[in-house]
Amino acid sequence: MAKEAKSKRYDVTLSEQYTNEFMHDVIEKAAAHLGLYISHIGSFTRKKYPNSVHWHFKEKPREKGCLDATFWQEGNEFWIVARNYEPDWVKQKAVDMQQYLQGLL
């Protein structure tokens, strides 16, 4: 019996090669558009995705749940992750963010 995935990944197809700086500006606009704030900025698995930028988003400071997004400049990839145990708002905002960014990029 196959294991159920612990999360769902929402890929955003990038139409060209973007920089970390450009994507950070786009992500700030997306967060504001979706009513989210960036609660953390870091990197994601430095060995597998060197120089990646990883964001955590929240709707409200003490609310449960966290939406994750990662941009990897070298691989020209952007993805959003919603873990299965997260509240419904995270899963909905993952879809909303994917659609919003796909329209911009």
PDB file of N, CA and C in Angstrom:
ATOM      1  N   MET A   1       0.843  -1.181   0.000  1.00  0.00           N
ATOM      2  CA  MET A   1       0.000   0.000   0.000  1.00  0.00           C
ATOM      3  C   MET A   1       0.891   1.247   0.000  1.00  0.00           C
ATOM      4  N   ALA A   2       0.637   2.149  -0.916  1.00  0.00           N
ATOM      5  CA  ALA A   2       1.442   3.363  -1.052  1.00  0.00           C
ATOM      6  C   ALA A   2       1.147   4.329   0.091  1.00  0.00           C
ATOM      7  N   LYS A   3       2.206   4.993   0.541  1.00  0.00           N
ATOM      8  CA  LYS A   3       2.048   5.996   1.586  1.00  0.00           C
ATOM      9  C   LYS A   3       1.412   7.250   1.011  1.00  0.00           C
ATOM     10  N   GLU A   4       0.562   7.866   1.819  1.00  0.00           N
ATOM     11  CA  GLU A   4      -0.037   9.129   1.406  1.00  0.00           C
ATOM     12  C   GLU A   4       1.010  10.231   1.552  1.00  0.00           C
ATOM     13  N   ALA A   5       1.056  11.131   0.591  1.00  0.00           N
ATOM     14  CA  ALA A   5       1.991  12.252   0.655  1.00  0.00           C
ATOM     15  C   ALA A   5       1.674  13.113   1.876  1.00  0.00           C
ATOM     16  N   LYS A   6       2.720  13.663   2.491  1.00  0.00           N
ATOM     17  CA  LYS A   6       2.543  14.498   3.672  1.00  0.00           C
ATOM     18  C   LYS A   6       2.191  15.936   3.318  1.00  0.00           C
ATOM     19  N   SER A   7       2.394  16.280   2.053  1.00  0.00           N
ATOM     20  CA  SER A   7       2.115  17.646   1.623  1.00  0.00           C
ATOM     21  C   SER A   7       1.803  17.668   0.136  1.00  0.00           C
ATOM     22  N   LYS A   8       1.330  18.824  -0.312  1.00  0.00           N
ATOM     23  CA  LYS A   8       1.064  19.005  -1.735  1.00  0.00           C
ATOM     24  C   LYS A   8       1.919  20.160  -2.229  1.00  0.00           C
ATOM     25  N   ARG A   9       2.561  19.938  -3.362  1.00  0.00           N
ATOM     26  CA  ARG A   9       3.425  20.954  -3.963  1.00  0.00           C
ATOM     27  C   ARG A   9       2.688  21.587  -5.145  1.00  0.00           C
ATOM     28  N   TYR A  10       2.703  22.910  -5.167  1.00  0.00           N
ATOM     29  CA  TYR A  10       2.080  23.684  -6.231  1.00  0.00           C
ATOM     30  C   TYR A  10       3.192  24.410  -6.989  1.00  0.00           C
ATOM     31  N   ASP A  11       3.525  23.930  -8.173  1.00  0.00           N
ATOM     32  CA  ASP A  11       4.586  24.540  -8.968  1.00  0.00           C
ATOM     33  C   ASP A  11       4.060  25.748  -9.733  1.00  0.00           C
ATOM     34  N   VAL A  12       4.920  26.744  -9.880  1.00  0.00           N
ATOM     35  CA  VAL A  12       4.630  27.912 -10.704  1.00  0.00           C
ATOM     36  C   VAL A  12       5.636  27.896 -11.846  1.00  0.00           C
ATOM     37  N   THR A  13       5.147  27.797 -13.071  1.00  0.00           N
ATOM     38  CA  THR A  13       6.016  27.781 -14.241  1.00  0.00           C
ATOM     39  C   THR A  13       6.556  29.185 -14.474  1.00  0.00           C
ATOM     40  N   LEU A  14       7.876  29.294 -14.575  1.00  0.00           N
ATOM     41  CA  LEU A  14       8.512  30.594 -14.782  1.00  0.00           C
ATOM     42  C   LEU A  14       8.793  30.786 -16.269  1.00  0.00           C
ATOM     43  N   SER A  15       8.371  31.919 -16.806  1.00  0.00           N
ATOM     44  CA  SER A  15       8.488  32.167 -18.247  1.00  0.00           C
ATOM     45  C   SER A  15       9.882  32.599 -18.669  1.00  0.00           C
ATOM     46  N   GLU A  16      10.704  32.996 -17.704  1.00  0.00           N
ATOM     47  CA  GLU A  16      12.087  33.380 -17.992  1.00  0.00           C
ATOM     48  C   GLU A  16      12.923  33.190 -16.737  1.00  0.00           C
ATOM     49  N   GLN A  17      14.225  33.458 -16.849  1.00  0.00           N
ATOM     50  CA  GLN A  17      15.132  33.323 -15.703  1.00  0.00           C
ATOM     51  C   GLN A  17      15.001  34.570 -14.831  1.00  0.00           C
ATOM     52  N   TYR A  18      14.653  34.388 -13.577  1.00  0.00           N
ATOM     53  CA  TYR A  18      14.494  35.506 -12.658  1.00  0.00           C
ATOM     54  C   TYR A  18      15.584  35.470 -11.594  1.00  0.00           C
ATOM     55  N   THR A  19      15.826  36.626 -10.968  1.00  0.00           N
ATOM     56  CA  THR A  19      16.798  36.719  -9.882  1.00  0.00           C
ATOM     57  C   THR A  19      16.081  36.599  -8.541  1.00  0.00           C
ATOM     58  N   ASN A  20      16.862  36.318  -7.500  1.00  0.00           N
ATOM     59  CA  ASN A  20      16.301  36.266  -6.148  1.00  0.00           C
ATOM     60  C   ASN A  20      15.666  37.610  -5.781  1.00  0.00           C
ATOM     61  N   GLU A  21      16.327  38.706  -6.144  1.00  0.00           N
ATOM     62  CA  GLU A  21      15.827  40.039  -5.808  1.00  0.00           C
ATOM     63  C   GLU A  21      14.480  40.314  -6.493  1.00  0.00           C
ATOM     64  N   PHE A  22      14.392  39.980  -7.771  1.00  0.00           N
ATOM     65  CA  PHE A  22      13.142  40.184  -8.502  1.00  0.00           C
ATOM     66  C   PHE A  22      12.023  39.362  -7.869  1.00  0.00           C
ATOM     67  N   MET A  23      12.306  38.099  -7.586  1.00  0.00           N
ATOM     68  CA  MET A  23      11.277  37.225  -7.021  1.00  0.00           C
ATOM     69  C   MET A  23      10.842  37.691  -5.641  1.00  0.00           C
ATOM     70  N   HIS A  24      11.775  38.219  -4.858  1.00  0.00           N
ATOM     71  CA  HIS A  24      11.396  38.714  -3.537  1.00  0.00           C
ATOM     72  C   HIS A  24      10.371  39.845  -3.677  1.00  0.00           C
ATOM     73  N   ASP A  25      10.599  40.756  -4.617  1.00  0.00           N
ATOM     74  CA  ASP A  25       9.643  41.843  -4.841  1.00  0.00           C
ATOM     75  C   ASP A  25       8.279  41.305  -5.274  1.00  0.00           C
ATOM     76  N   VAL A  26       8.289  40.323  -6.165  1.00  0.00           N
ATOM     77  CA  VAL A  26       7.039  39.717  -6.644  1.00  0.00           C
ATOM     78  C   VAL A  26       6.308  39.028  -5.494  1.00  0.00           C
ATOM     79  N   ILE A  27       7.060  38.338  -4.645  1.00  0.00           N
ATOM     80  CA  ILE A  27       6.464  37.615  -3.516  1.00  0.00           C
ATOM     81  C   ILE A  27       5.838  38.591  -2.523  1.00  0.00           C
ATOM     82  N   GLU A  28       6.493  39.711  -2.281  1.00  0.00           N
ATOM     83  CA  GLU A  28       5.906  40.721  -1.395  1.00  0.00           C
ATOM     84  C   GLU A  28       4.574  41.228  -1.951  1.00  0.00           C
ATOM     85  N   LYS A  29       4.511  41.458  -3.257  1.00  0.00           N
ATOM     86  CA  LYS A  29       3.263  41.901  -3.892  1.00  0.00           C
ATOM     87  C   LYS A  29       2.183  40.825  -3.787  1.00  0.00           C
ATOM     88  N   ALA A  30       2.577  39.584  -4.017  1.00  0.00           N
ATOM     89  CA  ALA A  30       1.617  38.474  -3.929  1.00  0.00           C
ATOM     90  C   ALA A  30       1.065  38.355  -2.511  1.00  0.00           C
ATOM     91  N   ALA A  31       1.941  38.456  -1.522  1.00  0.00           N
ATOM     92  CA  ALA A  31       1.502  38.357  -0.126  1.00  0.00           C
ATOM     93  C   ALA A  31       0.489  39.455   0.192  1.00  0.00           C
ATOM     94  N   ALA A  32       0.801  40.678  -0.204  1.00  0.00           N
ATOM     95  CA  ALA A  32      -0.118  41.794   0.054  1.00  0.00           C
ATOM     96  C   ALA A  32      -1.453  41.569  -0.659  1.00  0.00           C
ATOM     97  N   HIS A  33      -1.398  41.111  -1.891  1.00  0.00           N
ATOM     98  CA  HIS A  33      -2.615  40.859  -2.672  1.00  0.00           C
ATOM     99  C   HIS A  33      -3.494  39.790  -2.016  1.00  0.00           C
ATOM    100  N   LEU A  34      -2.859  38.789  -1.409  1.00  0.00           N
ATOM    101  CA  LEU A  34      -3.589  37.662  -0.822  1.00  0.00           C
ATOM    102  C   LEU A  34      -3.914  37.853   0.659  1.00  0.00           C
ATOM    103  N   GLY A  35      -3.543  38.998   1.225  1.00  0.00           N
ATOM    104  CA  GLY A  35      -3.824  39.247   2.635  1.00  0.00           C
ATOM    105  C   GLY A  35      -2.947  38.441   3.571  1.00  0.00           C
ATOM    106  N   LEU A  36      -1.711  38.189   3.152  1.00  0.00           N
ATOM    107  CA  LEU A  36      -0.755  37.433   3.962  1.00  0.00           C
ATOM    108  C   LEU A  36       0.403  38.333   4.356  1.00  0.00           C
ATOM    109  N   TYR A  37       1.136  37.921   5.375  1.00  0.00           N
ATOM    110  CA  TYR A  37       2.388  38.605   5.672  1.00  0.00           C
ATOM    111  C   TYR A  37       3.499  37.566   5.731  1.00  0.00           C
ATOM    112  N   ILE A  38       4.703  38.017   5.445  1.00  0.00           N
ATOM    113  CA  ILE A  38       5.870  37.131   5.455  1.00  0.00           C
ATOM    114  C   ILE A  38       6.369  37.048   6.891  1.00  0.00           C
ATOM    115  N   SER A  39       6.303  35.858   7.467  1.00  0.00           N
ATOM    116  CA  SER A  39       6.705  35.679   8.862  1.00  0.00           C
ATOM    117  C   SER A  39       8.149  35.209   8.994  1.00  0.00           C
ATOM    118  N   HIS A  40       8.728  34.719   7.905  1.00  0.00           N
ATOM    119  CA  HIS A  40      10.107  34.219   7.957  1.00  0.00           C
ATOM    120  C   HIS A  40      10.667  34.159   6.541  1.00  0.00           C
ATOM    121  N   ILE A  41      11.941  34.512   6.409  1.00  0.00           N
ATOM    122  CA  ILE A  41      12.662  34.343   5.142  1.00  0.00           C
ATOM    123  C   ILE A  41      13.960  33.623   5.468  1.00  0.00           C
ATOM    124  N   GLY A  42      14.234  32.553   4.737  1.00  0.00           N
ATOM    125  CA  GLY A  42      15.455  31.780   4.954  1.00  0.00           C
ATOM    126  C   GLY A  42      15.874  31.105   3.665  1.00  0.00           C
ATOM    127  N   SER A  43      16.479  29.945   3.815  1.00  0.00           N
ATOM    128  CA  SER A  43      16.858  29.160   2.638  1.00  0.00           C
ATOM    129  C   SER A  43      16.320  27.754   2.824  1.00  0.00           C
ATOM    130  N   PHE A  44      16.340  26.992   1.761  1.00  0.00           N
ATOM    131  CA  PHE A  44      15.743  25.660   1.770  1.00  0.00           C
ATOM    132  C   PHE A  44      16.792  24.643   1.368  1.00  0.00           C
ATOM    133  N   THR A  45      17.098  23.703   2.212  1.00  0.00           N
ATOM    134  CA  THR A  45      18.019  22.609   1.939  1.00  0.00           C
ATOM    135  C   THR A  45      19.199  23.071   1.095  1.00  0.00           C
ATOM    136  N   ARG A  46      20.138  23.705   1.734  1.00  0.00           N
ATOM    137  CA  ARG A  46      21.279  24.307   1.034  1.00  0.00           C
ATOM    138  C   ARG A  46      22.037  23.351   0.125  1.00  0.00           C
ATOM    139  N   LYS A  47      22.101  22.078   0.494  1.00  0.00           N
ATOM    140  CA  LYS A  47      22.830  21.119  -0.339  1.00  0.00           C
ATOM    141  C   LYS A  47      22.094  20.825  -1.639  1.00  0.00           C
ATOM    142  N   LYS A  48      20.815  20.566  -1.536  1.00  0.00           N
ATOM    143  CA  LYS A  48      20.033  20.198  -2.717  1.00  0.00           C
ATOM    144  C   LYS A  48      19.631  21.421  -3.543  1.00  0.00           C
ATOM    145  N   TYR A  49      19.342  22.534  -2.871  1.00  0.00           N
ATOM    146  CA  TYR A  49      18.908  23.755  -3.550  1.00  0.00           C
ATOM    147  C   TYR A  49      19.767  24.936  -3.090  1.00  0.00           C
ATOM    148  N   PRO A  50      21.046  24.980  -3.503  1.00  0.00           N
ATOM    149  CA  PRO A  50      21.929  26.056  -3.036  1.00  0.00           C
ATOM    150  C   PRO A  50      21.427  27.431  -3.479  1.00  0.00           C
ATOM    151  N   ASN A  51      21.572  28.386  -2.592  1.00  0.00           N
ATOM    152  CA  ASN A  51      21.177  29.779  -2.844  1.00  0.00           C
ATOM    153  C   ASN A  51      19.674  29.961  -3.049  1.00  0.00           C
ATOM    154  N   SER A  52      18.887  29.021  -2.573  1.00  0.00           N
ATOM    155  CA  SER A  52      17.434  29.175  -2.672  1.00  0.00           C
ATOM    156  C   SER A  52      16.945  30.169  -1.618  1.00  0.00           C
ATOM    157  N   VAL A  53      15.761  30.702  -1.856  1.00  0.00           N
ATOM    158  CA  VAL A  53      15.105  31.579  -0.884  1.00  0.00           C
ATOM    159  C   VAL A  53      13.788  30.916  -0.508  1.00  0.00           C
ATOM    160  N   HIS A  54      13.512  30.880   0.789  1.00  0.00           N
ATOM    161  CA  HIS A  54      12.338  30.178   1.303  1.00  0.00           C
ATOM    162  C   HIS A  54      11.557  31.137   2.200  1.00  0.00           C
ATOM    163  N   TRP A  55      10.262  31.238   1.954  1.00  0.00           N
ATOM    164  CA  TRP A  55       9.395  32.144   2.708  1.00  0.00           C
ATOM    165  C   TRP A  55       8.345  31.359   3.485  1.00  0.00           C
ATOM    166  N   HIS A  56       7.968  31.891   4.648  1.00  0.00           N
ATOM    167  CA  HIS A  56       6.803  31.420   5.399  1.00  0.00           C
ATOM    168  C   HIS A  56       5.798  32.566   5.411  1.00  0.00           C
ATOM    169  N   PHE A  57       4.540  32.229   5.198  1.00  0.00           N
ATOM    170  CA  PHE A  57       3.466  33.221   5.180  1.00  0.00           C
ATOM    171  C   PHE A  57       2.409  32.851   6.211  1.00  0.00           C
ATOM    172  N   LYS A  58       1.828  33.885   6.807  1.00  0.00           N
ATOM    173  CA  LYS A  58       0.731  33.693   7.746  1.00  0.00           C
ATOM    174  C   LYS A  58      -0.346  34.732   7.443  1.00  0.00           C
ATOM    175  N   GLU A  59      -1.572  34.416   7.897  1.00  0.00           N
ATOM    176  CA  GLU A  59      -2.669  35.387   7.784  1.00  0.00           C
ATOM    177  C   GLU A  59      -2.693  36.305   8.999  1.00  0.00           C
ATOM    178  N   LYS A  60      -2.547  35.699  10.175  1.00  0.00           N
ATOM    179  CA  LYS A  60      -2.596  36.445  11.433  1.00  0.00           C
ATOM    180  C   LYS A  60      -1.471  35.933  12.331  1.00  0.00           C
ATOM    181  N   PRO A  61      -0.902  36.796  13.160  1.00  0.00           N
ATOM    182  CA  PRO A  61       0.262  36.407  13.966  1.00  0.00           C
ATOM    183  C   PRO A  61       0.102  35.150  14.819  1.00  0.00           C
ATOM    184  N   ARG A  62      -0.998  34.967  15.487  1.00  0.00           N
ATOM    185  CA  ARG A  62      -1.138  33.816  16.397  1.00  0.00           C
ATOM    186  C   ARG A  62      -1.980  32.685  15.815  1.00  0.00           C
ATOM    187  N   GLU A  63      -2.344  32.820  14.568  1.00  0.00           N
ATOM    188  CA  GLU A  63      -3.167  31.799  13.926  1.00  0.00           C
ATOM    189  C   GLU A  63      -2.335  30.563  13.600  1.00  0.00           C
ATOM    190  N   LYS A  64      -2.963  29.403  13.701  1.00  0.00           N
ATOM    191  CA  LYS A  64      -2.287  28.158  13.341  1.00  0.00           C
ATOM    192  C   LYS A  64      -2.125  28.089  11.835  1.00  0.00           C
ATOM    193  N   GLY A  65      -1.027  27.498  11.432  1.00  0.00           N
ATOM    194  CA  GLY A  65      -0.793  27.271  10.017  1.00  0.00           C
ATOM    195  C   GLY A  65       0.279  28.170   9.445  1.00  0.00           C
ATOM    196  N   CYS A  66       0.901  27.659   8.386  1.00  0.00           N
ATOM    197  CA  CYS A  66       1.979  28.374   7.727  1.00  0.00           C
ATOM    198  C   CYS A  66       2.054  27.899   6.277  1.00  0.00           C
ATOM    199  N   LEU A  67       2.069  28.830   5.365  1.00  0.00           N
ATOM    200  CA  LEU A  67       2.228  28.525   3.947  1.00  0.00           C
ATOM    201  C   LEU A  67       3.703  28.698   3.600  1.00  0.00           C
ATOM    202  N   ASP A  68       4.276  27.743   2.895  1.00  0.00           N
ATOM    203  CA  ASP A  68       5.690  27.780   2.506  1.00  0.00           C
ATOM    204  C   ASP A  68       5.823  28.011   1.009  1.00  0.00           C
ATOM    205  N   ALA A  69       6.852  28.760   0.626  1.00  0.00           N
ATOM    206  CA  ALA A  69       7.169  28.938  -0.795  1.00  0.00           C
ATOM    207  C   ALA A  69       8.678  29.006  -0.941  1.00  0.00           C
ATOM    208  N   THR A  70       9.183  28.484  -2.053  1.00  0.00           N
ATOM    209  CA  THR A  70      10.622  28.452  -2.299  1.00  0.00           C
ATOM    210  C   THR A  70      10.920  28.849  -3.735  1.00  0.00           C
ATOM    211  N   PHE A  71      11.959  29.680  -3.892  1.00  0.00           N
ATOM    212  CA  PHE A  71      12.482  30.018  -5.217  1.00  0.00           C
ATOM    213  C   PHE A  71      13.928  29.558  -5.269  1.00  0.00           C
ATOM    214  N   TRP A  72      14.252  28.822  -6.321  1.00  0.00           N
ATOM    215  CA  TRP A  72      15.617  28.339  -6.535  1.00  0.00           C
ATOM    216  C   TRP A  72      16.099  28.912  -7.854  1.00  0.00           C
ATOM    217  N   GLN A  73      16.929  29.941  -7.750  1.00  0.00           N
ATOM    218  CA  GLN A  73      17.371  30.674  -8.933  1.00  0.00           C
ATOM    219  C   GLN A  73      18.142  29.782  -9.906  1.00  0.00           C
ATOM    220  N   GLU A  74      19.079  28.977  -9.407  1.00  0.00           N
ATOM    221  CA  GLU A  74      19.904  28.139 -10.280  1.00  0.00           C
ATOM    222  C   GLU A  74      19.076  27.146 -11.092  1.00  0.00           C
ATOM    223  N   GLY A  75      18.030  26.624 -10.497  1.00  0.00           N
ATOM    224  CA  GLY A  75      17.173  25.673 -11.194  1.00  0.00           C
ATOM    225  C   GLY A  75      15.979  26.328 -11.869  1.00  0.00           C
ATOM    226  N   ASN A  76      15.853  27.652 -11.675  1.00  0.00           N
ATOM    227  CA  ASN A  76      14.725  28.421 -12.205  1.00  0.00           C
ATOM    228  C   ASN A  76      13.392  27.761 -11.846  1.00  0.00           C
ATOM    229  N   GLU A  77      13.236  27.476 -10.555  1.00  0.00           N
ATOM    230  CA  GLU A  77      12.018  26.830 -10.054  1.00  0.00           C
ATOM    231  C   GLU A  77      11.406  27.651  -8.932  1.00  0.00           C
ATOM    232  N   PHE A  78      10.079  27.648  -8.888  1.00  0.00           N
ATOM    233  CA  PHE A  78       9.342  28.241  -7.781  1.00  0.00           C
ATOM    234  C   PHE A  78       8.223  27.289  -7.417  1.00  0.00           C
ATOM    235  N   TRP A  79       8.101  27.003  -6.136  1.00  0.00           N
ATOM    236  CA  TRP A  79       7.027  26.121  -5.703  1.00  0.00           C
ATOM    237  C   TRP A  79       6.489  26.552  -4.347  1.00  0.00           C
ATOM    238  N   ILE A  80       5.252  26.164  -4.120  1.00  0.00           N
ATOM    239  CA  ILE A  80       4.521  26.450  -2.892  1.00  0.00           C
ATOM    240  C   ILE A  80       4.154  25.103  -2.286  1.00  0.00           C
ATOM    241  N   VAL A  81       4.223  25.004  -0.967  1.00  0.00           N
ATOM    242  CA  VAL A  81       3.898  23.738  -0.306  1.00  0.00           C
ATOM    243  C   VAL A  81       2.854  23.979   0.778  1.00  0.00           C
ATOM    244  N   ALA A  82       1.844  23.119   0.772  1.00  0.00           N
ATOM    245  CA  ALA A  82       0.838  23.095   1.840  1.00  0.00           C
ATOM    246  C   ALA A  82       0.841  21.683   2.427  1.00  0.00           C
ATOM    247  N   ARG A  83       1.226  21.582   3.685  1.00  0.00           N
ATOM    248  CA  ARG A  83       1.236  20.273   4.346  1.00  0.00           C
ATOM    249  C   ARG A  83      -0.204  19.844   4.651  1.00  0.00           C
ATOM    250  N   ASN A  84      -0.437  18.553   4.608  1.00  0.00           N
ATOM    251  CA  ASN A  84      -1.792  18.014   4.786  1.00  0.00           C
ATOM    252  C   ASN A  84      -2.419  18.374   6.132  1.00  0.00           C
ATOM    253  N   TYR A  85      -1.607  18.514   7.165  1.00  0.00           N
ATOM    254  CA  TYR A  85      -2.157  18.797   8.493  1.00  0.00           C
ATOM    255  C   TYR A  85      -2.451  20.286   8.707  1.00  0.00           C
ATOM    256  N   GLU A  86      -2.103  21.121   7.742  1.00  0.00           N
ATOM    257  CA  GLU A  86      -2.332  22.563   7.893  1.00  0.00           C
ATOM    258  C   GLU A  86      -3.826  22.880   7.804  1.00  0.00           C
ATOM    259  N   PRO A  87      -4.241  24.002   8.404  1.00  0.00           N
ATOM    260  CA  PRO A  87      -5.645  24.405   8.318  1.00  0.00           C
ATOM    261  C   PRO A  87      -6.053  24.700   6.869  1.00  0.00           C
ATOM    262  N   ASP A  88      -7.342  24.737   6.644  1.00  0.00           N
ATOM    263  CA  ASP A  88      -7.872  24.941   5.290  1.00  0.00           C
ATOM    264  C   ASP A  88      -7.397  26.238   4.643  1.00  0.00           C
ATOM    265  N   TRP A  89      -7.198  27.297   5.442  1.00  0.00           N
ATOM    266  CA  TRP A  89      -6.784  28.566   4.844  1.00  0.00           C
ATOM    267  C   TRP A  89      -5.455  28.417   4.114  1.00  0.00           C
ATOM    268  N   VAL A  90      -4.554  27.576   4.630  1.00  0.00           N
ATOM    269  CA  VAL A  90      -3.240  27.381   4.004  1.00  0.00           C
ATOM    270  C   VAL A  90      -3.411  26.736   2.633  1.00  0.00           C
ATOM    271  N   LYS A  91      -4.228  25.720   2.572  1.00  0.00           N
ATOM    272  CA  LYS A  91      -4.444  25.009   1.304  1.00  0.00           C
ATOM    273  C   LYS A  91      -5.092  25.924   0.267  1.00  0.00           C
ATOM    274  N   GLN A  92      -6.045  26.742   0.693  1.00  0.00           N
ATOM    275  CA  GLN A  92      -6.701  27.666  -0.238  1.00  0.00           C
ATOM    276  C   GLN A  92      -5.736  28.748  -0.708  1.00  0.00           C
ATOM    277  N   LYS A  93      -4.944  29.294   0.217  1.00  0.00           N
ATOM    278  CA  LYS A  93      -3.990  30.344  -0.163  1.00  0.00           C
ATOM    279  C   LYS A  93      -2.890  29.788  -1.067  1.00  0.00           C
ATOM    280  N   ALA A  94      -2.555  28.512  -0.928  1.00  0.00           N
ATOM    281  CA  ALA A  94      -1.563  27.898  -1.822  1.00  0.00           C
ATOM    282  C   ALA A  94      -2.069  27.933  -3.258  1.00  0.00           C
ATOM    283  N   VAL A  95      -3.311  27.557  -3.447  1.00  0.00           N
ATOM    284  CA  VAL A  95      -3.924  27.583  -4.784  1.00  0.00           C
ATOM    285  C   VAL A  95      -4.022  29.026  -5.285  1.00  0.00           C
ATOM    286  N   ASP A  96      -4.469  29.925  -4.415  1.00  0.00           N
ATOM    287  CA  ASP A  96      -4.608  31.335  -4.796  1.00  0.00           C
ATOM    288  C   ASP A  96      -3.263  31.934  -5.195  1.00  0.00           C
ATOM    289  N   MET A  97      -2.223  31.631  -4.423  1.00  0.00           N
ATOM    290  CA  MET A  97      -0.897  32.166  -4.721  1.00  0.00           C
ATOM    291  C   MET A  97      -0.370  31.602  -6.041  1.00  0.00           C
ATOM    292  N   GLN A  98      -0.560  30.310  -6.244  1.00  0.00           N
ATOM    293  CA  GLN A  98      -0.118  29.692  -7.495  1.00  0.00           C
ATOM    294  C   GLN A  98      -0.778  30.390  -8.690  1.00  0.00           C
ATOM    295  N   GLN A  99      -2.072  30.590  -8.626  1.00  0.00           N
ATOM    296  CA  GLN A  99      -2.798  31.230  -9.728  1.00  0.00           C
ATOM    297  C   GLN A  99      -2.359  32.678  -9.922  1.00  0.00           C
ATOM    298  N   TYR A 100      -2.204  33.406  -8.828  1.00  0.00           N
ATOM    299  CA  TYR A 100      -1.793  34.811  -8.911  1.00  0.00           C
ATOM    300  C   TYR A 100      -0.409  34.929  -9.541  1.00  0.00           C
ATOM    301  N   LEU A 101       0.535  34.136  -9.046  1.00  0.00           N
ATOM    302  CA  LEU A 101       1.901  34.211  -9.574  1.00  0.00           C
ATOM    303  C   LEU A 101       1.982  33.730 -11.014  1.00  0.00           C
ATOM    304  N   GLN A 102       1.212  32.710 -11.345  1.00  0.00           N
ATOM    305  CA  GLN A 102       1.238  32.213 -12.721  1.00  0.00           C
ATOM    306  C   GLN A 102       0.777  33.306 -13.685  1.00  0.00           C
ATOM    307  N   GLY A 103      -0.138  34.145 -13.242  1.00  0.00           N
ATOM    308  CA  GLY A 103      -0.584  35.261 -14.068  1.00  0.00           C
ATOM    309  C   GLY A 103       0.455  36.361 -14.217  1.00  0.00           C
ATOM    310  N   LEU A 104       1.324  36.510 -13.216  1.00  0.00           N
ATOM    311  CA  LEU A 104       2.368  37.540 -13.259  1.00  0.00           C
ATOM    312  C   LEU A 104       3.629  37.080 -13.983  1.00  0.00           C
ATOM    313  N   LEU A 105       3.954  35.815 -13.827  1.00  0.00           N
ATOM    314  CA  LEU A 105       5.245  35.321 -14.309  1.00  0.00           C
ATOM    315  C   LEU A 105       5.100  34.515 -15.582  1.00  0.00           C
TER     316      LEU A 105
END
